[in-house]
Amino acid sequence: MLILLPPSEGKSAPAAGEPADPAQLWLPRLAPARRRVLSRLVALCRRTSARGVADSLAVLGLSPAQQGEVARNAALATAPAAPAAEVYTGVLYEALDAAGLAPGARAWLDERAVVFSGLWGVLRLTDRIPAYRCSVGVSLPVLGGLTPYWKKALGPALDRAAADGPVLDLRSGAYAAMWTPSGALAGRTATVRVLHERMVGGEPRRSVVSHFNKATKGRLVRSLAEAGARPASVDELLAALRELKYTVEERPVAAGRPRQVDVVVREL
């Protein structure tokens, strides 16, 4: 089974450690594609003129108060790296709390979780990376938009990596566009949406949640890891979630599309 995760905008910069090596990350065949993105991002952020800094902020979608992020990107080639599970610090990763898992559950997680990244393409949580700022919505000079760039590069590699077993897709929309399971693989993929159900005027009402969507997904993955779940199909995956007391409902979809699953929560 593969579990597809988004990255975290919030990151903790490692204090020490050797720089990241693109060839040592998961799926080393992607190393040339990673190096091209890294090179263009660093070159963009190394410009120190007022105009250059302003251009870098605009390209990365940052405010003037975030110039430190540009300076951090400029030093990525030599910046200390640490496991991605320690670098990503956002809501999903706080709820997942990989460091707090027992050894067996942590091994389960490290074997199955895959993080999508605008800079690195895809990672395992054990892959060593520096803190960076580069969303997949960025369009870098010469390379262009990172979404189509990675979509072309990731397709063949991930189609092979996901050849067996179910895929649990917990990515946000922007990162989901980097790779879309198709054909037979789509039928083995469950894309999850989190809904909050509450009573309004005596009637149940449901709404899509944002911030708590990430926390729920982090807790969901943690639950599966602690249970050591080993589903061989999407049906078995959904059964495992129900056994873990999650309210899971499936929505109808057209043939050839990933299966659409709602996780309904009543408390945030």
C-alpha atoms as a PDB file:
ATOM      1  CA  MET A   1       0.000   0.000   0.000  1.00  0.00           C
ATOM      2  CA  LEU A   2       1.075   3.560  -0.722  1.00  0.00           C
ATOM      3  CA  ILE A   3      -0.174   6.545   1.290  1.00  0.00           C
ATOM      4  CA  LEU A   4       0.102   9.811  -0.639  1.00  0.00           C
ATOM      5  CA  LEU A   5       0.637  12.913   1.504  1.00  0.00           C
ATOM      6  CA  PRO A   6       0.989  16.628   0.757  1.00  0.00           C
ATOM      7  CA  PRO A   7       4.060  18.444   2.081  1.00  0.00           C
ATOM      8  CA  SER A   8       3.920  21.037   4.834  1.00  0.00           C
ATOM      9  CA  GLU A   9       4.357  24.751   4.246  1.00  0.00           C
ATOM     10  CA  GLY A  10       5.737  24.984   7.772  1.00  0.00           C
ATOM     11  CA  LYS A  11       9.196  23.462   8.157  1.00  0.00           C
ATOM     12  CA  SER A  12      11.862  23.153  10.831  1.00  0.00           C
ATOM     13  CA  ALA A  13      15.344  23.910   9.514  1.00  0.00           C
ATOM     14  CA  PRO A  14      17.879  21.226  10.528  1.00  0.00           C
ATOM     15  CA  ALA A  15      20.692  22.629  12.646  1.00  0.00           C
ATOM     16  CA  ALA A  16      23.315  20.213  11.364  1.00  0.00           C
ATOM     17  CA  GLY A  17      23.814  17.426   8.860  1.00  0.00           C
ATOM     18  CA  GLU A  18      25.135  16.790   5.375  1.00  0.00           C
ATOM     19  CA  PRO A  19      23.268  18.443   2.456  1.00  0.00           C
ATOM     20  CA  ALA A  20      20.564  16.521   0.637  1.00  0.00           C
ATOM     21  CA  ASP A  21      21.618  14.286  -2.233  1.00  0.00           C
ATOM     22  CA  PRO A  22      18.875  14.040  -4.895  1.00  0.00           C
ATOM     23  CA  ALA A  23      20.158  10.606  -5.906  1.00  0.00           C
ATOM     24  CA  GLN A  24      19.703   9.288  -2.342  1.00  0.00           C
ATOM     25  CA  LEU A  25      16.007  10.165  -2.186  1.00  0.00           C
ATOM     26  CA  TRP A  26      13.253   7.642  -2.945  1.00  0.00           C
ATOM     27  CA  LEU A  27      13.087   6.743  -6.645  1.00  0.00           C
ATOM     28  CA  PRO A  28      16.668   7.801  -7.503  1.00  0.00           C
ATOM     29  CA  ARG A  29      15.806   7.760 -11.209  1.00  0.00           C
ATOM     30  CA  LEU A  30      14.212  11.151 -10.515  1.00  0.00           C
ATOM     31  CA  ALA A  31      17.578  12.654  -9.471  1.00  0.00           C
ATOM     32  CA  PRO A  32      18.180  14.556 -12.750  1.00  0.00           C
ATOM     33  CA  ALA A  33      14.690  16.104 -12.598  1.00  0.00           C
ATOM     34  CA  ARG A  34      15.255  17.061  -8.953  1.00  0.00           C
ATOM     35  CA  ARG A  35      18.615  18.645  -9.695  1.00  0.00           C
ATOM     36  CA  ARG A  36      17.098  20.793 -12.437  1.00  0.00           C
ATOM     37  CA  VAL A  37      14.446  22.170 -10.097  1.00  0.00           C
ATOM     38  CA  LEU A  38      16.973  22.705  -7.318  1.00  0.00           C
ATOM     39  CA  SER A  39      19.377  24.501  -9.654  1.00  0.00           C
ATOM     40  CA  ARG A  40      16.715  26.852 -11.021  1.00  0.00           C
ATOM     41  CA  LEU A  41      15.283  27.587  -7.573  1.00  0.00           C
ATOM     42  CA  VAL A  42      18.709  28.385  -6.115  1.00  0.00           C
ATOM     43  CA  ALA A  43      19.641  30.570  -9.095  1.00  0.00           C
ATOM     44  CA  LEU A  44      16.377  32.484  -8.763  1.00  0.00           C
ATOM     45  CA  CYS A  45      16.903  33.124  -5.061  1.00  0.00           C
ATOM     46  CA  ARG A  46      20.603  34.037  -5.219  1.00  0.00           C
ATOM     47  CA  ARG A  47      19.900  37.397  -6.842  1.00  0.00           C
ATOM     48  CA  THR A  48      20.503  40.046  -4.201  1.00  0.00           C
ATOM     49  CA  SER A  49      19.477  43.235  -5.990  1.00  0.00           C
ATOM     50  CA  ALA A  50      16.230  44.847  -4.889  1.00  0.00           C
ATOM     51  CA  ARG A  51      14.663  43.898  -8.199  1.00  0.00           C
ATOM     52  CA  GLY A  52      15.985  40.357  -8.001  1.00  0.00           C
ATOM     53  CA  VAL A  53      14.623  39.831  -4.494  1.00  0.00           C
ATOM     54  CA  ALA A  54      11.262  41.307  -5.499  1.00  0.00           C
ATOM     55  CA  ASP A  55      11.109  38.967  -8.501  1.00  0.00           C
ATOM     56  CA  SER A  56      11.936  35.961  -6.314  1.00  0.00           C
ATOM     57  CA  LEU A  57       9.211  36.858  -3.834  1.00  0.00           C
ATOM     58  CA  ALA A  58       6.702  37.251  -6.650  1.00  0.00           C
ATOM     59  CA  VAL A  59       7.602  33.931  -8.282  1.00  0.00           C
ATOM     60  CA  LEU A  60       7.365  32.073  -4.975  1.00  0.00           C
ATOM     61  CA  GLY A  61       4.161  33.834  -3.914  1.00  0.00           C
ATOM     62  CA  LEU A  62       5.765  35.341  -0.804  1.00  0.00           C
ATOM     63  CA  SER A  63       5.366  38.699   0.911  1.00  0.00           C
ATOM     64  CA  PRO A  64       8.208  41.190   1.528  1.00  0.00           C
ATOM     65  CA  ALA A  65       8.249  40.058   5.158  1.00  0.00           C
ATOM     66  CA  GLN A  66       9.285  36.593   3.974  1.00  0.00           C
ATOM     67  CA  GLN A  67      12.626  37.524   2.434  1.00  0.00           C
ATOM     68  CA  GLY A  68      14.246  35.066   4.832  1.00  0.00           C
ATOM     69  CA  GLU A  69      12.635  32.247   2.861  1.00  0.00           C
ATOM     70  CA  VAL A  70      14.349  33.499  -0.295  1.00  0.00           C
ATOM     71  CA  ALA A  71      17.723  33.605   1.481  1.00  0.00           C
ATOM     72  CA  ARG A  72      17.139  30.074   2.780  1.00  0.00           C
ATOM     73  CA  ASN A  73      16.426  28.821  -0.748  1.00  0.00           C
ATOM     74  CA  ALA A  74      19.612  30.451  -2.030  1.00  0.00           C
ATOM     75  CA  ALA A  75      21.659  28.199   0.261  1.00  0.00           C
ATOM     76  CA  LEU A  76      19.815  24.927  -0.390  1.00  0.00           C
ATOM     77  CA  ALA A  77      22.717  23.235  -2.169  1.00  0.00           C
ATOM     78  CA  THR A  78      24.786  23.271   1.026  1.00  0.00           C
ATOM     79  CA  ALA A  79      22.060  23.520   3.715  1.00  0.00           C
ATOM     80  CA  PRO A  80      21.939  20.851   6.453  1.00  0.00           C
ATOM     81  CA  ALA A  81      19.392  18.104   5.826  1.00  0.00           C
ATOM     82  CA  ALA A  82      17.358  15.852   8.126  1.00  0.00           C
ATOM     83  CA  PRO A  83      14.610  13.237   7.633  1.00  0.00           C
ATOM     84  CA  ALA A  84      11.510  14.741   6.032  1.00  0.00           C
ATOM     85  CA  ALA A  85       9.413  13.578   8.996  1.00  0.00           C
ATOM     86  CA  GLU A  86      11.437  15.979  11.164  1.00  0.00           C
ATOM     87  CA  VAL A  87      11.451  18.855   8.673  1.00  0.00           C
ATOM     88  CA  TYR A  88       7.706  19.035   7.913  1.00  0.00           C
ATOM     89  CA  THR A  89       5.892  20.609  10.869  1.00  0.00           C
ATOM     90  CA  GLY A  90       2.388  21.480   9.619  1.00  0.00           C
ATOM     91  CA  VAL A  91      -0.970  20.413  11.035  1.00  0.00           C
ATOM     92  CA  LEU A  92      -1.062  17.014   9.314  1.00  0.00           C
ATOM     93  CA  TYR A  93       2.430  16.132  10.515  1.00  0.00           C
ATOM     94  CA  GLU A  94       1.735  17.319  14.058  1.00  0.00           C
ATOM     95  CA  ALA A  95      -1.334  15.061  14.190  1.00  0.00           C
ATOM     96  CA  LEU A  96       0.605  12.173  12.651  1.00  0.00           C
ATOM     97  CA  ASP A  97       3.440  12.595  15.216  1.00  0.00           C
ATOM     98  CA  ALA A  98       5.746  10.113  13.497  1.00  0.00           C
ATOM     99  CA  ALA A  99       8.406  10.545  16.198  1.00  0.00           C
ATOM    100  CA  GLY A 100       5.945   9.377  18.847  1.00  0.00           C
ATOM    101  CA  LEU A 101       5.088   6.082  17.138  1.00  0.00           C
ATOM    102  CA  ALA A 102       6.311   2.777  18.518  1.00  0.00           C
ATOM    103  CA  PRO A 103       9.124   1.219  16.416  1.00  0.00           C
ATOM    104  CA  GLY A 104       6.859  -1.233  14.601  1.00  0.00           C
ATOM    105  CA  ALA A 105       4.287   1.429  13.711  1.00  0.00           C
ATOM    106  CA  ARG A 106       7.040   3.797  12.593  1.00  0.00           C
ATOM    107  CA  ALA A 107       8.511   1.132  10.313  1.00  0.00           C
ATOM    108  CA  TRP A 108       5.017   0.564   8.869  1.00  0.00           C
ATOM    109  CA  LEU A 109       4.679   4.284   8.166  1.00  0.00           C
ATOM    110  CA  ASP A 110       8.136   4.725   6.675  1.00  0.00           C
ATOM    111  CA  GLU A 111       7.516   1.853   4.272  1.00  0.00           C
ATOM    112  CA  ARG A 112       4.204   3.217   2.958  1.00  0.00           C
ATOM    113  CA  ALA A 113       4.041   7.017   3.201  1.00  0.00           C
ATOM    114  CA  VAL A 114       5.018   9.144   0.195  1.00  0.00           C
ATOM    115  CA  VAL A 115       5.216  12.943   0.332  1.00  0.00           C
ATOM    116  CA  PHE A 116       4.708  15.024  -2.809  1.00  0.00           C
ATOM    117  CA  SER A 117       6.935  18.105  -3.116  1.00  0.00           C
ATOM    118  CA  GLY A 118       7.287  20.966  -5.571  1.00  0.00           C
ATOM    119  CA  LEU A 119      11.068  20.805  -5.153  1.00  0.00           C
ATOM    120  CA  TRP A 120      11.785  17.086  -4.812  1.00  0.00           C
ATOM    121  CA  GLY A 121       8.890  15.437  -6.661  1.00  0.00           C
ATOM    122  CA  VAL A 122       8.233  12.608  -4.206  1.00  0.00           C
ATOM    123  CA  LEU A 123       9.907  11.593  -0.936  1.00  0.00           C
ATOM    124  CA  ARG A 124       9.818   9.002   1.786  1.00  0.00           C
ATOM    125  CA  LEU A 125       9.584  10.343   5.338  1.00  0.00           C
ATOM    126  CA  THR A 126      13.063   8.977   5.973  1.00  0.00           C
ATOM    127  CA  ASP A 127      14.605  10.914   3.075  1.00  0.00           C
ATOM    128  CA  ARG A 128      16.948  13.676   4.231  1.00  0.00           C
ATOM    129  CA  ILE A 129      16.016  17.179   3.024  1.00  0.00           C
ATOM    130  CA  PRO A 130      16.649  20.794   4.089  1.00  0.00           C
ATOM    131  CA  ALA A 131      13.932  23.299   4.907  1.00  0.00           C
ATOM    132  CA  TYR A 132      12.813  25.024   1.682  1.00  0.00           C
ATOM    133  CA  ARG A 133      10.037  27.116   0.203  1.00  0.00           C
ATOM    134  CA  CYS A 134       8.739  26.036  -3.184  1.00  0.00           C
ATOM    135  CA  SER A 135       5.112  25.033  -3.700  1.00  0.00           C
ATOM    136  CA  VAL A 136       4.084  23.009  -6.716  1.00  0.00           C
ATOM    137  CA  GLY A 137       2.114  26.026  -7.992  1.00  0.00           C
ATOM    138  CA  VAL A 138       5.366  27.892  -8.704  1.00  0.00           C
ATOM    139  CA  SER A 139       6.583  28.530 -12.244  1.00  0.00           C
ATOM    140  CA  LEU A 140      10.387  28.679 -12.335  1.00  0.00           C
ATOM    141  CA  PRO A 141      12.454  30.425 -15.012  1.00  0.00           C
ATOM    142  CA  VAL A 142      13.316  28.106 -17.930  1.00  0.00           C
ATOM    143  CA  LEU A 143      11.506  25.098 -16.379  1.00  0.00           C
ATOM    144  CA  GLY A 144       8.052  26.678 -16.289  1.00  0.00           C
ATOM    145  CA  GLY A 145       5.215  25.388 -14.125  1.00  0.00           C
ATOM    146  CA  LEU A 146       6.201  22.692 -11.658  1.00  0.00           C
ATOM    147  CA  THR A 147       2.867  20.875 -11.883  1.00  0.00           C
ATOM    148  CA  PRO A 148       3.250  19.874 -15.555  1.00  0.00           C
ATOM    149  CA  TYR A 149       6.993  19.398 -15.044  1.00  0.00           C
ATOM    150  CA  TRP A 150       6.511  16.833 -12.303  1.00  0.00           C
ATOM    151  CA  LYS A 151       3.452  15.269 -13.904  1.00  0.00           C
ATOM    152  CA  LYS A 152       5.597  14.270 -16.859  1.00  0.00           C
ATOM    153  CA  ALA A 153       8.481  13.049 -14.702  1.00  0.00           C
ATOM    154  CA  LEU A 154       6.485  11.209 -12.039  1.00  0.00           C
ATOM    155  CA  GLY A 155       4.053   9.246 -14.184  1.00  0.00           C
ATOM    156  CA  PRO A 156       6.236   6.320 -15.235  1.00  0.00           C
ATOM    157  CA  ALA A 157       8.041   6.077 -11.886  1.00  0.00           C
ATOM    158  CA  LEU A 158       4.934   6.112  -9.708  1.00  0.00           C
ATOM    159  CA  ASP A 159       2.916   3.845 -11.979  1.00  0.00           C
ATOM    160  CA  ARG A 160       5.574   1.205 -11.318  1.00  0.00           C
ATOM    161  CA  ALA A 161       5.905   1.972  -7.596  1.00  0.00           C
ATOM    162  CA  ALA A 162       2.140   1.602  -7.091  1.00  0.00           C
ATOM    163  CA  ALA A 163       1.840  -1.547  -9.158  1.00  0.00           C
ATOM    164  CA  ASP A 164       0.566  -3.663  -6.269  1.00  0.00           C
ATOM    165  CA  GLY A 165      -1.893  -3.029  -3.472  1.00  0.00           C
ATOM    166  CA  PRO A 166      -4.209  -0.111  -2.663  1.00  0.00           C
ATOM    167  CA  VAL A 167      -3.321   3.592  -2.757  1.00  0.00           C
ATOM    168  CA  LEU A 168      -4.668   5.974  -0.094  1.00  0.00           C
ATOM    169  CA  ASP A 169      -4.602   9.482  -1.549  1.00  0.00           C
ATOM    170  CA  LEU A 170      -4.635  12.210   1.112  1.00  0.00           C
ATOM    171  CA  ARG A 171      -3.126  14.986  -1.015  1.00  0.00           C
ATOM    172  CA  SER A 172      -4.543  18.473  -1.479  1.00  0.00           C
ATOM    173  CA  GLY A 173      -5.726  19.450  -4.951  1.00  0.00           C
ATOM    174  CA  ALA A 174      -2.525  21.164  -6.092  1.00  0.00           C
ATOM    175  CA  TYR A 175      -0.357  18.161  -5.238  1.00  0.00           C
ATOM    176  CA  ALA A 176      -2.905  15.665  -6.513  1.00  0.00           C
ATOM    177  CA  ALA A 177      -2.400  17.193  -9.956  1.00  0.00           C
ATOM    178  CA  MET A 178       1.231  16.036  -9.976  1.00  0.00           C
ATOM    179  CA  TRP A 179       0.163  12.434 -10.564  1.00  0.00           C
ATOM    180  CA  THR A 180      -3.274  10.958 -11.203  1.00  0.00           C
ATOM    181  CA  PRO A 181      -3.695   7.190 -10.981  1.00  0.00           C
ATOM    182  CA  SER A 182      -5.397   5.887 -14.099  1.00  0.00           C
ATOM    183  CA  GLY A 183      -6.600   2.645 -15.611  1.00  0.00           C
ATOM    184  CA  ALA A 184      -6.622  -0.347 -13.294  1.00  0.00           C
ATOM    185  CA  LEU A 185      -4.637   1.621 -10.720  1.00  0.00           C
ATOM    186  CA  ALA A 186      -7.476   4.137 -10.374  1.00  0.00           C
ATOM    187  CA  GLY A 187      -9.719   1.358  -9.126  1.00  0.00           C
ATOM    188  CA  ARG A 188      -7.156   0.572  -6.444  1.00  0.00           C
ATOM    189  CA  THR A 189      -6.970   4.208  -5.297  1.00  0.00           C
ATOM    190  CA  ALA A 190      -9.111   5.841  -2.603  1.00  0.00           C
ATOM    191  CA  THR A 191      -9.147   9.646  -2.569  1.00  0.00           C
ATOM    192  CA  VAL A 192     -10.257  10.988   0.810  1.00  0.00           C
ATOM    193  CA  ARG A 193     -12.336  14.048   1.665  1.00  0.00           C
ATOM    194  CA  VAL A 194     -13.033  15.033   5.289  1.00  0.00           C
ATOM    195  CA  LEU A 195     -16.525  16.291   6.170  1.00  0.00           C
ATOM    196  CA  HIS A 196     -17.685  17.840   9.443  1.00  0.00           C
ATOM    197  CA  GLU A 197     -21.197  16.822  10.459  1.00  0.00           C
ATOM    198  CA  ARG A 198     -23.104  18.924  12.967  1.00  0.00           C
ATOM    199  CA  MET A 199     -26.725  19.414  13.917  1.00  0.00           C
ATOM    200  CA  VAL A 200     -28.359  22.633  12.683  1.00  0.00           C
ATOM    201  CA  GLY A 201     -31.992  23.171  13.647  1.00  0.00           C
ATOM    202  CA  GLY A 202     -32.327  19.499  14.465  1.00  0.00           C
ATOM    203  CA  GLU A 203     -31.042  18.442  11.030  1.00  0.00           C
ATOM    204  CA  PRO A 204     -27.561  17.004  10.273  1.00  0.00           C
ATOM    205  CA  ARG A 205     -25.488  19.318   8.072  1.00  0.00           C
ATOM    206  CA  ARG A 206     -22.133  18.506   6.535  1.00  0.00           C
ATOM    207  CA  SER A 207     -19.379  20.809   5.333  1.00  0.00           C
ATOM    208  CA  VAL A 208     -15.855  20.395   3.992  1.00  0.00           C
ATOM    209  CA  VAL A 209     -13.229  21.411   6.537  1.00  0.00           C
ATOM    210  CA  SER A 210      -9.784  22.841   5.800  1.00  0.00           C
ATOM    211  CA  HIS A 211      -7.512  23.178   8.826  1.00  0.00           C
ATOM    212  CA  PHE A 212      -9.070  20.202  10.602  1.00  0.00           C
ATOM    213  CA  ASN A 213      -9.067  18.254   7.357  1.00  0.00           C
ATOM    214  CA  LYS A 214      -5.280  18.038   7.682  1.00  0.00           C
ATOM    215  CA  ALA A 215      -5.414  17.045  11.341  1.00  0.00           C
ATOM    216  CA  THR A 216      -7.952  14.304  10.630  1.00  0.00           C
ATOM    217  CA  LYS A 217      -5.808  12.903   7.831  1.00  0.00           C
ATOM    218  CA  GLY A 218      -2.773  12.868  10.106  1.00  0.00           C
ATOM    219  CA  ARG A 219      -4.696  11.025  12.822  1.00  0.00           C
ATOM    220  CA  LEU A 220      -6.114   8.597  10.267  1.00  0.00           C
ATOM    221  CA  VAL A 221      -2.642   7.600   9.043  1.00  0.00           C
ATOM    222  CA  ARG A 222      -1.412   7.298  12.622  1.00  0.00           C
ATOM    223  CA  SER A 223      -4.313   4.975  13.447  1.00  0.00           C
ATOM    224  CA  LEU A 224      -3.511   2.749  10.483  1.00  0.00           C
ATOM    225  CA  ALA A 225       0.163   2.660  11.458  1.00  0.00           C
ATOM    226  CA  GLU A 226      -0.579   1.765  15.068  1.00  0.00           C
ATOM    227  CA  ALA A 227      -2.923  -0.985  13.894  1.00  0.00           C
ATOM    228  CA  GLY A 228      -0.322  -2.312  11.447  1.00  0.00           C
ATOM    229  CA  ALA A 229      -3.041  -2.454   8.776  1.00  0.00           C
ATOM    230  CA  ARG A 230      -2.168  -4.527   5.722  1.00  0.00           C
ATOM    231  CA  PRO A 231      -5.117  -4.206   3.332  1.00  0.00           C
ATOM    232  CA  ALA A 232      -4.789  -5.905  -0.035  1.00  0.00           C
ATOM    233  CA  SER A 233      -7.529  -3.819  -1.670  1.00  0.00           C
ATOM    234  CA  VAL A 234      -9.471  -0.584  -1.272  1.00  0.00           C
ATOM    235  CA  ASP A 235     -12.398  -2.531   0.165  1.00  0.00           C
ATOM    236  CA  GLU A 236     -10.124  -3.994   2.831  1.00  0.00           C
ATOM    237  CA  LEU A 237      -8.661  -0.522   3.487  1.00  0.00           C
ATOM    238  CA  LEU A 238     -12.125   0.960   4.057  1.00  0.00           C
ATOM    239  CA  ALA A 239     -13.010  -1.974   6.297  1.00  0.00           C
ATOM    240  CA  ALA A 240      -9.848  -1.329   8.323  1.00  0.00           C
ATOM    241  CA  LEU A 241     -10.796   2.317   8.788  1.00  0.00           C
ATOM    242  CA  ARG A 242     -14.273   1.360   9.937  1.00  0.00           C
ATOM    243  CA  GLU A 243     -12.776  -1.095  12.419  1.00  0.00           C
ATOM    244  CA  LEU A 244     -10.734   1.847  13.733  1.00  0.00           C
ATOM    245  CA  LYS A 245     -14.048   3.657  14.378  1.00  0.00           C
ATOM    246  CA  TYR A 246     -13.893   6.082  11.456  1.00  0.00           C
ATOM    247  CA  THR A 247     -17.172   6.905   9.714  1.00  0.00           C
ATOM    248  CA  VAL A 248     -16.407   6.165   6.070  1.00  0.00           C
ATOM    249  CA  GLU A 249     -18.777   6.624   3.138  1.00  0.00           C
ATOM    250  CA  GLU A 250     -18.086   6.093  -0.537  1.00  0.00           C
ATOM    251  CA  ARG A 251     -19.434   8.317  -3.313  1.00  0.00           C
ATOM    252  CA  PRO A 252     -20.215   7.004  -6.816  1.00  0.00           C
ATOM    253  CA  VAL A 253     -17.695   7.840  -9.545  1.00  0.00           C
ATOM    254  CA  ALA A 254     -17.350   7.239 -13.251  1.00  0.00           C
ATOM    255  CA  ALA A 255     -15.472   4.167 -14.398  1.00  0.00           C
ATOM    256  CA  GLY A 256     -11.727   4.655 -14.645  1.00  0.00           C
ATOM    257  CA  ARG A 257     -11.602   7.263 -11.868  1.00  0.00           C
ATOM    258  CA  PRO A 258     -10.154   6.861  -8.360  1.00  0.00           C
ATOM    259  CA  ARG A 259     -12.716   5.893  -5.749  1.00  0.00           C
ATOM    260  CA  GLN A 260     -14.036   8.853  -3.747  1.00  0.00           C
ATOM    261  CA  VAL A 261     -14.294   8.403   0.010  1.00  0.00           C
ATOM    262  CA  ASP A 262     -15.689  10.709   2.684  1.00  0.00           C
ATOM    263  CA  VAL A 263     -14.460  10.494   6.263  1.00  0.00           C
ATOM    264  CA  VAL A 264     -17.171  12.084   8.406  1.00  0.00           C
ATOM    265  CA  VAL A 265     -16.182  13.623  11.744  1.00  0.00           C
ATOM    266  CA  ARG A 266     -18.524  15.054  14.362  1.00  0.00           C
ATOM    267  CA  GLU A 267     -15.895  16.571  16.617  1.00  0.00           C
ATOM    268  CA  LEU A 268     -13.023  18.801  15.459  1.00  0.00           C
END
